[in-house]
């Protein structure tokens, strides 16, 4: 089996990489999803708001006409205009507040509360012609082009169909009262927006899945990046302090107590001994509970025999674990495979013994 190229991104991103990317604004987000949900809110809010506006606006107009001043001045004209336009302004503000709130909540649902100035910072890549051409012919640009074309065709067809179906009703609006005309227009707009929003939601769902897949692909790491990040984390003062505290807690419990919690003791067989524990549901990796050399390794084997703890002889693995780990450390990634084989062997042996007992 041929090895993968060193620069190929094959490893899943770590939590640190995800956090760093989030700080830079690299998150899965669909603007179409925000627009579609906002349009649904508009479809629900426009008919009642438009009906209310028509009622209050008509009343305000009659009231202003009945109290119209006899002298025409700048003050009187301004008062008349404000009285007539007031209901429209209030209704428009109410509608804008609803749509803005829905848009903000939809964005929050996608990415949570996050503010980042990173995308606004000037970078050479943004004005680099080569990078610009690459973005123009990228998979993301192709997806955006397909979305724009699909929306233009579908939305245009829906609008044409809706207007054609209600053309007679629209022509007859001049023959009815203003309030009834506003209600009729609101109903037509409601039906049109509902149909458009349904198709837009389908497009938005596909777009969101695409954006998430692209971000996940972008965040994947090479093996070298993963190793470098693990080295940096192991060298940080916070990680070292936490590991040191964990070792002290383990040592206070005594060697025998530590071995009681172990799943297996891996030996050299005489010079080294390393106790391993792994809980599949609560640990992301096996942990080294204790290790010993020479005399301490001998005592660990004696304790293990008394506790009926499985002892597995594996010279290379015992040496590697002893050299690379301290009590309280998780097993390094490069030793996952050998340790997993030992644990699988132990679980299989214990299971077989229980069946035969």
Protein backbone atom coordinates (compact mmCIF):
# COMPACT_ATOMS: atom_id res chain seq x y z
CA UNK A 1 0.00 0.00 0.00
CA UNK A 2 1.60 3.27 -1.12
CA UNK A 3 2.05 6.08 1.40
CA UNK A 4 0.08 9.27 1.02
CA UNK A 5 1.97 12.44 0.09
CA UNK A 6 3.25 14.34 3.13
CA UNK A 7 1.48 17.53 2.08
CA UNK A 8 -1.94 15.92 1.56
CA UNK A 9 -4.63 17.01 4.00
CA UNK A 10 -5.91 13.69 5.29
CA UNK A 11 -6.22 14.29 9.05
CA UNK A 12 -9.35 15.56 10.79
CA UNK A 13 -8.91 19.06 12.29
CA UNK A 14 -8.17 19.37 15.99
CA UNK A 15 -10.29 21.48 18.31
CA UNK A 16 -7.52 24.08 18.41
CA UNK A 17 -7.51 24.41 14.63
CA UNK A 18 -11.28 24.79 14.60
CA UNK A 19 -11.10 27.46 17.30
CA UNK A 20 -8.35 29.37 15.48
CA UNK A 21 -10.30 29.19 12.22
CA UNK A 22 -13.44 30.46 13.95
CA UNK A 23 -11.51 33.45 15.28
CA UNK A 24 -10.55 34.27 11.69
CA UNK A 25 -14.16 34.02 10.55
CA UNK A 26 -13.81 30.66 8.79
CA UNK A 27 -17.19 29.10 9.61
CA UNK A 28 -19.88 27.29 7.64
CA UNK A 29 -22.54 29.87 6.87
CA UNK A 30 -25.11 30.26 4.10
CA UNK A 31 -26.36 33.74 3.27
CA UNK A 32 -29.12 32.09 1.24
CA UNK A 33 -30.43 30.37 4.38
CA UNK A 34 -30.63 33.73 6.14
CA UNK A 35 -32.41 35.26 3.14
CA UNK A 36 -34.86 32.36 2.80
CA UNK A 37 -35.85 32.35 6.47
CA UNK A 38 -36.20 36.14 6.42
CA UNK A 39 -38.46 35.84 3.38
CA UNK A 40 -40.64 33.34 5.25
CA UNK A 41 -40.96 35.87 8.07
CA UNK A 42 -41.85 38.56 5.52
CA UNK A 43 -44.54 36.32 4.01
CA UNK A 44 -46.08 35.85 7.46
CA UNK A 45 -45.79 39.50 8.56
CA UNK A 46 -46.68 41.52 5.45
CA UNK A 47 -50.43 40.67 5.14
CA UNK A 48 -51.44 41.63 8.73
CA UNK A 49 -49.13 44.67 8.78
CA UNK A 50 -50.36 45.86 5.39
CA UNK A 51 -53.99 45.41 6.49
CA UNK A 52 -53.36 47.35 9.70
CA UNK A 53 -51.56 50.11 7.81
CA UNK A 54 -54.44 50.48 5.35
CA UNK A 55 -56.97 50.84 8.18
CA UNK A 56 -55.00 53.40 10.18
CA UNK A 57 -53.70 55.26 7.13
CA UNK A 58 -57.18 55.73 5.70
CA UNK A 59 -58.47 56.98 9.03
CA UNK A 60 -55.50 59.29 9.43
CA UNK A 61 -56.03 60.68 5.93
CA UNK A 62 -59.73 61.44 6.54
CA UNK A 63 -58.85 62.99 9.90
CA UNK A 64 -56.18 65.22 8.36
CA UNK A 65 -58.48 66.29 5.52
CA UNK A 66 -61.29 67.18 7.91
CA UNK A 67 -58.87 69.29 9.95
CA UNK A 68 -57.02 70.76 6.99
CA UNK A 69 -55.78 74.27 7.73
CA UNK A 70 -57.13 77.14 5.65
CA UNK A 71 -53.72 78.77 5.34
CA UNK A 72 -51.01 76.96 3.38
CA UNK A 73 -47.70 77.29 5.17
CA UNK A 74 -44.61 75.18 5.54
CA UNK A 75 -45.69 74.21 9.07
CA UNK A 76 -49.22 73.21 8.03
CA UNK A 77 -47.99 71.15 5.06
CA UNK A 78 -45.42 69.37 7.26
CA UNK A 79 -48.08 68.53 9.86
CA UNK A 80 -50.48 67.21 7.21
CA UNK A 81 -47.77 65.06 5.61
CA UNK A 82 -46.64 63.63 8.96
CA UNK A 83 -50.22 62.79 9.92
CA UNK A 84 -50.87 60.93 6.68
CA UNK A 85 -47.49 59.20 6.45
CA UNK A 86 -47.31 58.27 10.16
CA UNK A 87 -49.08 54.86 9.89
CA UNK A 88 -46.92 53.92 6.90
CA UNK A 89 -43.73 54.84 8.72
CA UNK A 90 -44.74 52.93 11.88
CA UNK A 91 -45.75 49.86 9.87
CA UNK A 92 -42.53 49.93 7.86
CA UNK A 93 -40.42 50.22 11.01
CA UNK A 94 -42.30 47.30 12.60
CA UNK A 95 -41.73 45.15 9.50
CA UNK A 96 -38.02 46.06 9.35
CA UNK A 97 -37.57 45.23 13.04
CA UNK A 98 -39.17 41.79 12.51
CA UNK A 99 -37.07 40.98 9.45
CA UNK A 100 -33.85 42.24 11.05
CA UNK A 101 -34.47 40.17 14.19
CA UNK A 102 -35.16 37.04 12.12
CA UNK A 103 -32.01 37.60 10.06
CA UNK A 104 -29.84 38.06 13.18
CA UNK A 105 -31.32 34.97 14.86
CA UNK A 106 -30.78 32.86 11.72
CA UNK A 107 -27.14 33.91 11.55
CA UNK A 108 -26.78 33.17 15.26
CA UNK A 109 -28.29 29.71 14.77
CA UNK A 110 -25.71 28.96 12.07
CA UNK A 111 -22.50 30.21 13.70
CA UNK A 112 -23.40 31.31 17.23
CA UNK A 113 -22.29 34.63 18.67
CA UNK A 114 -19.04 35.49 16.96
CA UNK A 115 -17.39 38.78 16.00
CA UNK A 116 -14.26 38.72 13.87
CA UNK A 117 -12.39 41.57 12.18
CA UNK A 118 -10.04 39.17 10.42
CA UNK A 119 -11.97 39.14 7.08
CA UNK A 120 -11.83 42.96 6.96
CA UNK A 121 -8.07 43.19 7.40
CA UNK A 122 -6.17 44.16 4.23
CA UNK A 123 -4.29 41.26 2.63
CA UNK A 124 -2.28 40.99 -0.55
CA UNK A 125 -4.27 37.90 -1.59
CA UNK A 126 -7.39 40.07 -1.96
CA UNK A 127 -5.77 42.26 -4.64
CA UNK A 128 -3.54 39.60 -6.16
CA UNK A 129 -4.76 38.99 -9.76
CA UNK A 130 -3.58 35.38 -9.69
CA UNK A 131 -5.49 34.62 -6.49
CA UNK A 132 -8.50 36.47 -7.89
CA UNK A 133 -8.56 34.34 -11.06
CA UNK A 134 -8.21 31.20 -8.95
CA UNK A 135 -11.23 32.24 -6.88
CA UNK A 136 -13.23 33.04 -10.03
CA UNK A 137 -12.82 29.50 -11.36
CA UNK A 138 -13.02 27.72 -8.01
CA UNK A 139 -15.66 25.23 -6.94
CA UNK A 140 -17.17 27.84 -4.62
CA UNK A 141 -17.52 30.35 -7.50
CA UNK A 142 -19.16 27.66 -9.65
CA UNK A 143 -21.61 26.91 -6.86
CA UNK A 144 -22.46 30.61 -6.48
CA UNK A 145 -23.04 30.90 -10.24
CA UNK A 146 -25.34 27.87 -10.26
CA UNK A 147 -27.28 29.24 -7.30
CA UNK A 148 -27.73 32.66 -8.90
CA UNK A 149 -28.96 31.10 -12.16
CA UNK A 150 -31.33 28.72 -10.36
CA UNK A 151 -32.78 31.53 -8.24
CA UNK A 152 -33.26 33.84 -11.23
CA UNK A 153 -35.09 31.19 -13.26
CA UNK A 154 -37.21 29.74 -10.47
CA UNK A 155 -38.15 33.02 -8.81
CA UNK A 156 -38.92 34.64 -12.17
CA UNK A 157 -41.18 31.75 -13.16
CA UNK A 158 -43.00 31.82 -9.79
CA UNK A 159 -43.55 35.59 -9.99
CA UNK A 160 -44.83 35.37 -13.57
CA UNK A 161 -47.19 32.50 -12.71
CA UNK A 162 -48.56 34.29 -9.62
CA UNK A 163 -49.16 37.58 -11.43
CA UNK A 164 -50.75 35.81 -14.40
CA UNK A 165 -53.09 33.86 -12.12
CA UNK A 166 -54.19 36.99 -10.19
CA UNK A 167 -54.10 39.48 -13.09
CA UNK A 168 -57.85 39.89 -13.13
CA UNK A 169 -57.92 40.56 -9.40
CA UNK A 170 -55.14 43.13 -9.69
CA UNK A 171 -56.95 45.01 -12.45
CA UNK A 172 -60.14 45.14 -10.39
CA UNK A 173 -58.46 46.67 -7.33
CA UNK A 174 -59.34 50.17 -8.50
CA UNK A 175 -63.04 49.31 -8.11
CA UNK A 176 -62.89 48.33 -4.42
CA UNK A 177 -62.28 50.21 -1.18
CA UNK A 178 -58.65 50.99 -0.24
CA UNK A 179 -58.77 48.71 2.79
CA UNK A 180 -60.03 45.77 0.73
CA UNK A 181 -57.46 46.54 -1.96
CA UNK A 182 -54.65 46.49 0.60
CA UNK A 183 -55.89 43.16 2.01
CA UNK A 184 -56.07 41.69 -1.51
CA UNK A 185 -52.56 42.88 -2.35
CA UNK A 186 -51.33 41.46 0.96
CA UNK A 187 -52.87 38.08 0.16
CA UNK A 188 -51.27 38.01 -3.31
CA UNK A 189 -47.88 38.97 -1.86
CA UNK A 190 -48.25 36.34 0.85
CA UNK A 191 -48.85 33.55 -1.66
CA UNK A 192 -46.02 34.74 -3.90
CA UNK A 193 -43.50 35.01 -1.05
CA UNK A 194 -44.47 31.62 0.42
CA UNK A 195 -43.84 29.87 -2.91
CA UNK A 196 -40.52 31.66 -3.43
CA UNK A 197 -39.39 31.01 0.15
CA UNK A 198 -40.07 27.26 -0.15
CA UNK A 199 -37.83 26.93 -3.19
CA UNK A 200 -35.27 29.26 -1.63
CA UNK A 201 -35.14 27.12 1.51
CA UNK A 202 -34.34 24.05 -0.62
CA UNK A 203 -31.53 25.94 -2.39
CA UNK A 204 -30.30 27.28 0.97
CA UNK A 205 -30.18 23.80 2.52
CA UNK A 206 -28.04 22.52 -0.35
CA UNK A 207 -25.85 25.62 -0.09
CA UNK A 208 -25.34 25.19 3.66
CA UNK A 209 -24.31 21.55 3.26
CA UNK A 210 -21.89 22.60 0.52
CA UNK A 211 -20.42 25.41 2.66
CA UNK A 212 -19.98 23.03 5.60
CA UNK A 213 -18.26 20.45 3.42
CA UNK A 214 -15.93 23.11 1.98
CA UNK A 215 -15.01 24.45 5.44
CA UNK A 216 -14.38 20.93 6.76
CA UNK A 217 -12.16 20.24 3.75
CA UNK A 218 -10.32 23.54 4.25
CA UNK A 219 -9.65 22.80 7.93
CA UNK A 220 -8.23 19.31 7.37
CA UNK A 221 -4.58 18.98 8.33
CA UNK A 222 -1.50 17.30 6.97
CA UNK A 223 0.29 14.78 9.17
CA UNK A 224 3.13 17.27 9.65
CA UNK A 225 0.73 20.01 10.79
CA UNK A 226 -0.88 17.61 13.25
CA UNK A 227 2.49 16.58 14.72
CA UNK A 228 3.62 20.20 14.98
CA UNK A 229 0.44 21.21 16.79
CA UNK A 230 0.74 18.32 19.24
CA UNK A 231 4.33 19.36 20.00
CA UNK A 232 3.27 22.96 20.59
CA UNK A 233 0.46 21.88 22.92
CA UNK A 234 2.69 19.51 24.86
CA UNK A 235 5.20 22.31 25.34
CA UNK A 236 2.70 24.87 26.62
CA UNK A 237 2.89 25.74 30.36
CA UNK A 238 -0.84 25.08 30.83
CA UNK A 239 -0.62 21.53 29.47
CA UNK A 240 2.53 20.76 31.45
CA UNK A 241 0.97 22.08 34.66
CA UNK A 242 -2.18 19.99 34.16
CA UNK A 243 -0.12 16.86 33.45
CA UNK A 244 2.07 17.45 36.50
CA UNK A 245 -1.01 17.86 38.71
CA UNK A 246 -2.47 14.66 37.29
CA UNK A 247 0.74 12.75 38.02
CA UNK A 248 0.77 13.97 41.62
CA UNK A 249 -2.82 12.90 42.16
CA UNK A 250 -2.04 9.46 40.77
CA UNK A 251 1.08 8.99 42.88
CA UNK A 252 -0.82 9.93 46.05
CA UNK A 253 -3.17 7.02 45.46
CA UNK A 254 -0.39 4.44 45.66
CA UNK A 255 0.90 2.02 43.07
CA UNK A 256 -1.46 -0.81 43.98
CA UNK A 257 -4.49 1.45 43.74
CA UNK A 258 -3.38 2.64 40.31
CA UNK A 259 -2.93 -0.91 39.06
CA UNK A 260 -6.43 -1.82 40.28
CA UNK A 261 -7.82 0.62 37.75
CA UNK A 262 -5.58 -0.57 34.89
CA UNK A 263 -6.66 -2.80 32.02
CA UNK A 264 -3.24 -4.23 31.19
CA UNK A 265 0.40 -4.12 32.25
CA UNK A 266 2.84 -4.01 29.33
CA UNK A 267 6.35 -5.22 30.21
CA UNK A 268 9.87 -5.43 28.75
CA UNK A 269 9.66 -8.06 30.50
CA UNK A 270 12.15 -7.31 33.32
CA UNK A 271 13.40 -3.75 32.91
CA UNK A 272 10.21 -1.78 32.17
CA UNK A 273 6.52 -1.98 33.06
CA UNK A 274 3.72 0.37 31.99
CA UNK A 275 0.10 0.20 33.22
CA UNK A 276 -2.55 1.21 30.67
CA UNK A 277 -6.22 2.09 31.13
CA UNK A 278 -8.83 2.84 28.48
CA UNK A 279 -12.55 3.63 28.81
CA UNK A 280 -14.09 3.79 25.36
CA UNK A 281 -17.03 6.02 26.31
CA UNK A 282 -15.12 8.63 28.34
CA UNK A 283 -11.54 8.71 26.97
CA UNK A 284 -10.40 9.86 23.55
CA UNK A 285 -7.19 7.82 23.97
CA UNK A 286 -5.66 5.23 26.36
CA UNK A 287 -3.92 6.71 29.40
CA UNK A 288 -0.74 5.68 31.22
CA UNK A 289 -1.65 5.13 34.88
CA UNK A 290 1.85 4.19 36.12
CA UNK A 291 5.27 3.16 34.88
CA UNK A 292 8.34 1.64 36.49
CA UNK A 293 11.90 0.55 35.77
CA UNK A 294 13.93 -2.32 37.22
CA UNK A 295 12.89 -2.76 40.91
CA UNK A 296 9.69 -0.73 40.52
CA UNK A 297 8.84 -2.71 37.37
CA UNK A 298 9.29 -5.90 39.40
CA UNK A 299 6.92 -4.65 42.13
CA UNK A 300 4.37 -3.68 39.47
CA UNK A 301 4.44 -7.21 38.03
CA UNK A 302 3.96 -8.67 41.52
CA UNK A 303 1.00 -6.38 42.18
CA UNK A 304 -0.44 -7.27 38.78
CA UNK A 305 -0.26 -10.99 39.50
CA UNK A 306 -1.95 -10.49 42.87
CA UNK A 307 -4.68 -8.41 41.25
CA UNK A 308 -5.01 -10.85 38.31
CA UNK A 309 -4.24 -7.96 35.99
CA UNK A 310 -3.30 -9.17 32.48
CA UNK A 311 0.43 -8.88 31.76
CA UNK A 312 1.54 -8.62 28.15
CA UNK A 313 5.19 -8.84 27.14
CA UNK A 314 6.02 -6.45 24.32
CA UNK A 315 9.59 -5.17 24.51
CA UNK A 316 9.48 -2.40 21.84
CA UNK A 317 6.12 -1.08 23.02
CA UNK A 318 7.09 -1.10 26.72
CA UNK A 319 10.32 0.77 25.99
CA UNK A 320 8.56 3.33 23.77
CA UNK A 321 5.80 3.97 26.30
CA UNK A 322 8.29 4.32 29.16
CA UNK A 323 10.46 6.73 27.16
CA UNK A 324 7.65 8.91 25.78
CA UNK A 325 5.10 8.97 28.59
CA UNK A 326 4.71 9.90 32.22
CA UNK A 327 1.94 8.81 34.58
CA UNK A 328 -1.16 10.70 33.59
CA UNK A 329 -0.21 11.12 29.92
CA UNK A 330 -2.37 9.93 27.07
CA UNK A 331 -0.72 7.44 24.75
CA UNK A 332 0.98 9.28 21.84
CA UNK A 333 -0.72 9.07 18.46
CA UNK A 334 2.11 7.05 16.90
CA UNK A 335 1.61 4.33 19.54
CA UNK A 336 -2.19 4.13 19.19
CA UNK A 337 -2.01 1.11 16.89
CA UNK A 338 0.22 -1.15 19.00
CA UNK A 339 -1.62 -0.26 22.22
CA UNK A 340 -4.99 -0.86 20.53
CA UNK A 341 -3.81 -4.34 19.44
CA UNK A 342 -2.81 -5.17 23.01
CA UNK A 343 -6.15 -3.94 24.40
CA UNK A 344 -8.09 -5.85 21.74
CA UNK A 345 -6.18 -9.00 22.64
CA UNK A 346 -6.91 -8.47 26.35
CA UNK A 347 -10.63 -7.83 25.80
CA UNK A 348 -10.88 -10.91 23.60
CA UNK A 349 -9.04 -13.07 26.15
CA UNK A 350 -11.18 -11.84 29.06
CA UNK A 351 -14.36 -12.43 27.04
CA UNK A 352 -13.25 -15.96 26.16
CA UNK A 353 -12.44 -16.74 29.80
CA UNK A 354 -15.85 -15.47 30.94
CA UNK A 355 -17.62 -17.68 28.39
CA UNK A 356 -15.66 -20.77 29.47
CA UNK A 357 -16.16 -20.05 33.20
